[in-house]
C-alpha cells in the first residue's frame, strides 16, 4: 500500500488508517490489532519498498534558505559535478543542496530540530558540530535526516580560523563573483573561491598599483539580504588572516574599492588642469620661438 502525505493508507477491510509517526514494528502491531476485528489470525509483515522524498527546512546562514525536497537513493548536482546520494539524505547533503554555508556560519553549533513520533506534536532539538565532522571525520555530526526536519545555522561573531580550508569542502559554494575596482592592476568582476578574504581578492585582481593605491583606505560595499547596503573601511595588510574586523571573508556580489593615495589625487588633479591648456601652451611657446 501507499502511505499518503497526510500519514494515512487505504487498506482492504479497514479503509483509511492513520499510520503517521509510527515505526514499521508499531505499524504492524497496530494493523494486526485492527484486523483482529475482521480476521481470526491476521499476520502482517511490513517493509519499505520505496521511501518517498523528504522535505526539510534550512534557515540561517546558508546561501539559499528555504524548504527543500531530498530524494533518497537519488543523485544531486553540485555545480558541474554530479554527487551520488545513495540511501537516506544526511545533514551535509541538505546543506549542499541549499548552496552551501555563508562566510558567517557558526559551524560549531548547528541546530537540528526533529518531530517526535506520536500525535502529541513534540519536538527534539540537538546541537551538532560540523567542524568536528570536517576536521576530524566525526560522522556522528552528520546524522540521517527525517521528513520534517529543520536545520538552523546561526551567525558566528568571528569567522572560524579554518574558513579558507572549508571553502574547498561540500559545505561551501564552489565559487563566488566579486567586483574589485579602483587602484588595482586588473580590476573588474572576478571569480574567486568561496569565503576568499578581502586581501586575497585584491591580490587576485592583480594587486594594488604601487604609488597610486592607498593601502589604508580599502572599502567593502555589501548588499545585504534585506536590500540594505553597508560600506566598511579596511587597511590592506598582506599578513592579516581572515577576520571580520580586519580582513573579512567575502560574499557573492561584494564590491571592493581600493581608493587613491594622496599622491595619486594630486597627480590626477594636475593632469586635469594641464591637459586642457596644453595645446595653448604649445602655441604660445611656438609664437615666442618665432619672435625670437
Protein backbone atom coordinates (compact mmCIF):
# COMPACT_ATOMS: atom_id res chain seq x y z
CA UNK A 1 0.00 0.00 0.00
CA UNK A 2 0.98 3.63 -0.45
CA UNK A 3 1.31 5.93 2.52
CA UNK A 4 -0.13 9.32 1.62
CA UNK A 5 1.43 12.63 2.60
CA UNK A 6 -1.14 13.06 5.39
CA UNK A 7 0.08 9.82 7.03
CA UNK A 8 -2.89 7.64 6.06
CA UNK A 9 -3.14 4.49 3.95
CA UNK A 10 -6.15 2.81 2.33
CA UNK A 11 -6.31 -0.88 3.31
CA UNK A 12 -8.74 -3.71 2.46
CA UNK A 13 -11.50 -4.22 5.06
CA UNK A 14 -10.23 -1.28 7.12
CA UNK A 15 -10.49 1.69 4.82
CA UNK A 16 -8.30 4.68 5.63
CA UNK A 17 -5.93 4.09 8.55
CA UNK A 18 -3.62 6.72 10.07
CA UNK A 19 -0.04 5.47 10.45
CA UNK A 20 1.83 8.73 10.80
CA UNK A 21 4.59 8.80 13.40
CA UNK A 22 4.77 5.00 13.75
CA UNK A 23 7.75 2.75 13.15
CA UNK A 24 7.40 -0.38 11.00
CA UNK A 25 7.06 -2.54 14.11
CA UNK A 26 4.50 -0.23 15.68
CA UNK A 27 2.52 -0.02 12.43
CA UNK A 28 2.48 -3.84 12.13
CA UNK A 29 1.15 -4.27 15.67
CA UNK A 30 -1.47 -1.57 15.16
CA UNK A 31 -2.74 -3.06 11.91
CA UNK A 32 -2.86 -6.57 13.39
CA UNK A 33 -4.98 -5.19 16.23
CA UNK A 34 -7.37 -3.62 13.74
CA UNK A 35 -7.53 -6.71 11.53
CA UNK A 36 -8.36 -8.96 14.51
CA UNK A 37 -11.77 -7.36 14.42
CA UNK A 38 -12.23 -8.74 10.90
CA UNK A 39 -9.99 -11.84 10.75
CA UNK A 40 -9.24 -14.76 13.06
CA UNK A 41 -5.43 -14.87 12.85
CA UNK A 42 -4.08 -11.86 10.95
CA UNK A 43 -0.34 -11.90 10.26
CA UNK A 44 1.37 -8.88 8.72
CA UNK A 45 4.91 -8.23 7.57
CA UNK A 46 5.55 -4.62 6.57
CA UNK A 47 8.61 -3.42 4.68
CA UNK A 48 9.55 -0.22 2.89
CA UNK A 49 9.76 -0.77 -0.87
CA UNK A 50 10.29 2.84 -1.96
CA UNK A 51 10.84 5.70 0.51
CA UNK A 52 9.19 8.93 -0.52
CA UNK A 53 11.21 12.19 -0.82
CA UNK A 54 11.93 14.06 2.39
CA UNK A 55 11.02 17.70 2.92
CA UNK A 56 13.39 19.59 5.19
CA UNK A 57 13.79 23.27 6.03
CA UNK A 58 17.14 25.09 6.11
CA UNK A 59 17.28 28.52 7.72
CA UNK A 60 20.01 30.90 8.75
CA UNK A 61 23.48 31.09 7.25
CA UNK A 62 23.08 29.07 4.06
CA UNK A 63 23.27 30.56 0.58
CA UNK A 64 19.64 29.81 -0.27
CA UNK A 65 17.46 29.29 2.82
CA UNK A 66 14.13 27.60 2.34
CA UNK A 67 12.23 24.34 2.09
CA UNK A 68 13.92 21.54 0.14
CA UNK A 69 12.91 18.13 -1.13
CA UNK A 70 15.62 15.49 -0.83
CA UNK A 71 15.25 12.27 -2.74
CA UNK A 72 16.55 9.09 -1.06
CA UNK A 73 18.81 6.99 -3.29
CA UNK A 74 18.96 9.82 -5.78
CA UNK A 75 21.55 11.98 -7.47
CA UNK A 76 22.22 15.58 -6.56
CA UNK A 77 24.28 18.08 -8.55
CA UNK A 78 26.89 20.48 -7.25
CA UNK A 79 27.90 22.90 -9.94
CA UNK A 80 29.19 20.80 -12.82
CA UNK A 81 29.91 17.85 -10.53
CA UNK A 82 27.37 15.06 -10.04
CA UNK A 83 27.09 13.78 -6.47
CA UNK A 84 25.68 10.33 -5.86
CA UNK A 85 23.40 10.24 -2.84
CA UNK A 86 22.69 6.59 -2.07
CA UNK A 87 20.47 5.96 0.93
CA UNK A 88 18.77 8.49 3.15
CA UNK A 89 19.99 12.09 2.84
CA UNK A 90 22.25 13.48 5.56
CA UNK A 91 22.76 16.91 7.07
CA UNK A 92 25.64 17.69 4.69
CA UNK A 93 23.52 16.64 1.67
CA UNK A 94 20.87 19.17 2.68
CA UNK A 95 23.38 21.99 3.18
CA UNK A 96 24.97 21.27 -0.22
CA UNK A 97 21.56 21.42 -1.92
CA UNK A 98 20.88 24.80 -0.26
CA UNK A 99 24.01 26.22 -1.92
CA UNK A 100 26.39 25.73 0.99
CA UNK A 101 27.15 27.84 4.03
CA UNK A 102 27.86 31.57 4.10
CA UNK A 103 31.03 33.11 5.48
CA UNK A 104 29.18 33.97 8.71
CA UNK A 105 28.09 30.42 9.55
CA UNK A 106 28.77 29.15 13.08
CA UNK A 107 29.67 25.55 12.27
CA UNK A 108 30.37 24.66 15.89
CA UNK A 109 26.70 24.96 16.83
CA UNK A 110 24.24 23.76 14.16
CA UNK A 111 20.74 23.10 15.49
CA UNK A 112 18.71 20.14 14.20
CA UNK A 113 15.02 20.07 15.16
CA UNK A 114 13.01 16.86 14.69
CA UNK A 115 9.38 15.96 15.33
CA UNK A 116 9.00 13.01 17.68
CA UNK A 117 6.72 10.07 16.76
CA UNK A 118 3.15 10.16 18.03
CA UNK A 119 0.22 12.52 17.97
CA UNK A 120 1.49 14.88 20.68
CA UNK A 121 3.41 17.02 18.16
CA UNK A 122 6.50 17.38 20.34
CA UNK A 123 9.96 18.18 19.01
CA UNK A 124 13.52 17.29 19.94
CA UNK A 125 16.45 19.64 19.35
CA UNK A 126 20.12 18.79 19.26
CA UNK A 127 23.32 20.71 18.57
CA UNK A 128 25.87 19.44 16.06
CA UNK A 129 29.50 20.43 15.41
CA UNK A 130 30.22 20.40 11.69
CA UNK A 131 33.83 21.45 12.25
CA UNK A 132 34.41 18.17 14.06
CA UNK A 133 32.97 16.39 11.02
CA UNK A 134 35.20 18.20 8.50
CA UNK A 135 38.42 18.38 10.52
CA UNK A 136 38.25 15.13 12.49
CA UNK A 137 35.89 12.93 10.45
CA UNK A 138 33.34 12.59 13.26
CA UNK A 139 30.40 11.20 11.27
CA UNK A 140 28.12 11.33 14.29
CA UNK A 141 27.87 15.03 13.49
CA UNK A 142 26.27 14.19 10.11
CA UNK A 143 23.03 12.36 11.00
CA UNK A 144 20.47 10.98 8.59
CA UNK A 145 17.55 13.33 8.04
CA UNK A 146 13.88 12.57 8.62
CA UNK A 147 10.88 14.10 6.89
CA UNK A 148 10.00 17.43 8.51
CA UNK A 149 13.44 18.15 9.98
CA UNK A 150 14.55 21.76 10.41
CA UNK A 151 18.23 22.77 10.22
CA UNK A 152 19.23 26.15 11.63
CA UNK A 153 22.74 27.59 11.19
CA UNK A 154 23.35 30.73 13.23
CA UNK A 155 25.83 33.52 12.52
CA UNK A 156 29.21 33.45 14.26
CA UNK A 157 30.71 36.51 15.94
CA UNK A 158 34.01 35.83 14.13
CA UNK A 159 34.74 33.57 11.14
CA UNK A 160 36.43 30.32 12.05
CA UNK A 161 40.17 30.21 11.53
CA UNK A 162 39.74 27.25 9.15
CA UNK A 163 37.31 29.12 6.85
CA UNK A 164 39.76 29.15 3.93
CA UNK A 165 40.19 25.37 4.12
CA UNK A 166 36.40 24.95 4.39
CA UNK A 167 35.93 26.73 1.06
CA UNK A 168 37.05 23.53 -0.72
CA UNK A 169 34.58 21.26 1.09
CA UNK A 170 30.99 20.35 0.23
CA UNK A 171 29.77 22.74 2.94
CA UNK A 172 30.66 25.85 0.94
CA UNK A 173 29.64 27.14 -2.51
CA UNK A 174 32.17 26.32 -5.22
CA UNK A 175 32.89 29.91 -6.30
CA UNK A 176 31.64 33.45 -5.82
CA UNK A 177 31.79 36.54 -8.04
CA UNK A 178 33.06 39.83 -6.60
CA UNK A 179 33.96 43.24 -8.03
CA UNK A 180 37.41 44.69 -7.31
CA UNK A 181 37.75 48.25 -8.61
CA UNK A 182 39.95 51.29 -8.11
CA UNK A 183 43.73 51.33 -7.97
CA UNK A 184 44.41 47.68 -8.82
CA UNK A 185 46.22 46.29 -11.85
CA UNK A 186 43.41 44.09 -13.16
CA UNK A 187 40.19 45.43 -11.71
CA UNK A 188 36.70 44.32 -12.60
CA UNK A 189 34.45 41.37 -11.90
CA UNK A 190 36.44 38.29 -10.87
CA UNK A 191 35.61 34.78 -9.73
CA UNK A 192 37.26 33.53 -6.56
CA UNK A 193 36.77 30.53 -4.24
CA UNK A 194 34.03 30.87 -1.66
CA UNK A 195 34.98 32.65 1.59
CA UNK A 196 38.01 34.32 0.00
CA UNK A 197 39.20 37.15 2.32
CA UNK A 198 39.31 40.73 1.10
CA UNK A 199 43.13 40.86 0.87
CA UNK A 200 43.30 37.72 -1.26
CA UNK A 201 40.64 39.09 -3.64
CA UNK A 202 42.69 42.27 -4.15
CA UNK A 203 45.73 40.14 -4.97
CA UNK A 204 43.62 38.02 -7.37
CA UNK A 205 42.79 41.27 -9.20
CA UNK A 206 46.50 41.90 -9.81
CA UNK A 207 47.30 43.61 -6.54
CA UNK A 208 47.40 47.33 -5.69
CA UNK A 209 49.19 49.78 -8.00
CA UNK A 210 52.38 50.72 -6.16
CA UNK A 211 52.18 54.51 -5.75
CA UNK A 212 48.54 55.12 -6.63
CA UNK A 213 46.81 52.77 -4.15
CA UNK A 214 46.06 53.91 -0.61
CA UNK A 215 46.60 50.68 1.33
CA UNK A 216 44.99 52.21 4.39
CA UNK A 217 41.75 53.08 2.59
CA UNK A 218 40.16 49.95 1.09
CA UNK A 219 36.35 49.85 1.18
CA UNK A 220 33.98 46.90 1.15
CA UNK A 221 30.50 47.58 -0.22
CA UNK A 222 27.98 44.83 0.51
CA UNK A 223 24.31 44.41 -0.39
CA UNK A 224 22.57 42.59 2.45
CA UNK A 225 19.73 40.09 2.15
CA UNK A 226 17.19 42.70 3.32
CA UNK A 227 18.17 45.05 0.50
CA UNK A 228 20.27 47.45 2.57
CA UNK A 229 23.87 48.30 1.73
CA UNK A 230 26.84 48.59 4.08
CA UNK A 231 30.17 50.29 3.49
CA UNK A 232 33.20 49.48 5.65
CA UNK A 233 36.79 50.68 5.51
CA UNK A 234 39.81 48.37 5.97
CA UNK A 235 43.59 48.59 5.77
CA UNK A 236 45.30 46.31 3.26
CA UNK A 237 47.63 44.11 5.33
CA UNK A 238 49.10 41.15 3.45
CA UNK A 239 49.97 39.38 6.70
CA UNK A 240 46.47 39.55 8.16
CA UNK A 241 44.43 36.34 8.41
CA UNK A 242 40.67 36.13 7.95
CA UNK A 243 38.89 38.39 10.41
CA UNK A 244 35.54 40.20 10.33
CA UNK A 245 37.15 43.34 11.72
CA UNK A 246 40.35 43.42 9.64
CA UNK A 247 40.15 41.04 6.68
CA UNK A 248 36.56 39.80 6.21
CA UNK A 249 35.66 36.78 4.06
CA UNK A 250 33.77 37.98 1.01
CA UNK A 251 30.28 37.06 -0.13
CA UNK A 252 28.91 36.67 -3.62
CA UNK A 253 28.26 40.11 -5.15
CA UNK A 254 30.59 42.10 -2.85
CA UNK A 255 32.45 45.12 -4.23
CA UNK A 256 35.97 46.02 -3.06
CA UNK A 257 37.16 49.58 -3.74
CA UNK A 258 40.89 50.36 -3.49
CA UNK A 259 40.99 54.15 -3.17
CA UNK A 260 43.66 56.55 -4.44
CA UNK A 261 46.61 57.73 -2.41
CA UNK A 262 47.23 61.42 -1.76
CA UNK A 263 49.98 61.43 -4.41
CA UNK A 264 47.61 59.92 -6.97
CA UNK A 265 44.91 62.51 -6.16
CA UNK A 266 47.44 65.34 -6.65
CA UNK A 267 48.75 63.83 -9.87
CA UNK A 268 45.26 63.39 -11.28
CA UNK A 269 44.33 66.97 -10.32
CA UNK A 270 47.41 68.40 -12.08
CA UNK A 271 46.71 66.26 -15.13
CA UNK A 272 43.11 67.50 -15.23
CA UNK A 273 44.33 71.12 -15.15
CA UNK A 274 47.23 70.82 -17.56
CA UNK A 275 45.67 68.65 -20.30
CA UNK A 276 43.03 71.22 -21.44
CA UNK A 277 45.56 74.09 -21.67
CA UNK A 278 48.44 72.06 -23.09
CA UNK A 279 47.62 72.98 -26.74
CA UNK A 280 47.50 76.69 -25.79
CA UNK A 281 50.86 76.47 -24.05
CA UNK A 282 52.34 74.78 -27.11
CA UNK A 283 51.07 77.60 -29.37
CA UNK A 284 52.47 80.29 -27.04
CA UNK A 285 55.83 78.51 -26.99
CA UNK A 286 55.79 78.41 -30.81
CA UNK A 287 54.97 82.14 -31.12
CA UNK A 288 57.70 83.04 -28.65
CA UNK A 289 60.16 80.91 -30.66
CA UNK A 290 59.20 82.70 -33.92
CA UNK A 291 59.51 86.14 -32.35
CA UNK A 292 62.97 85.32 -31.08
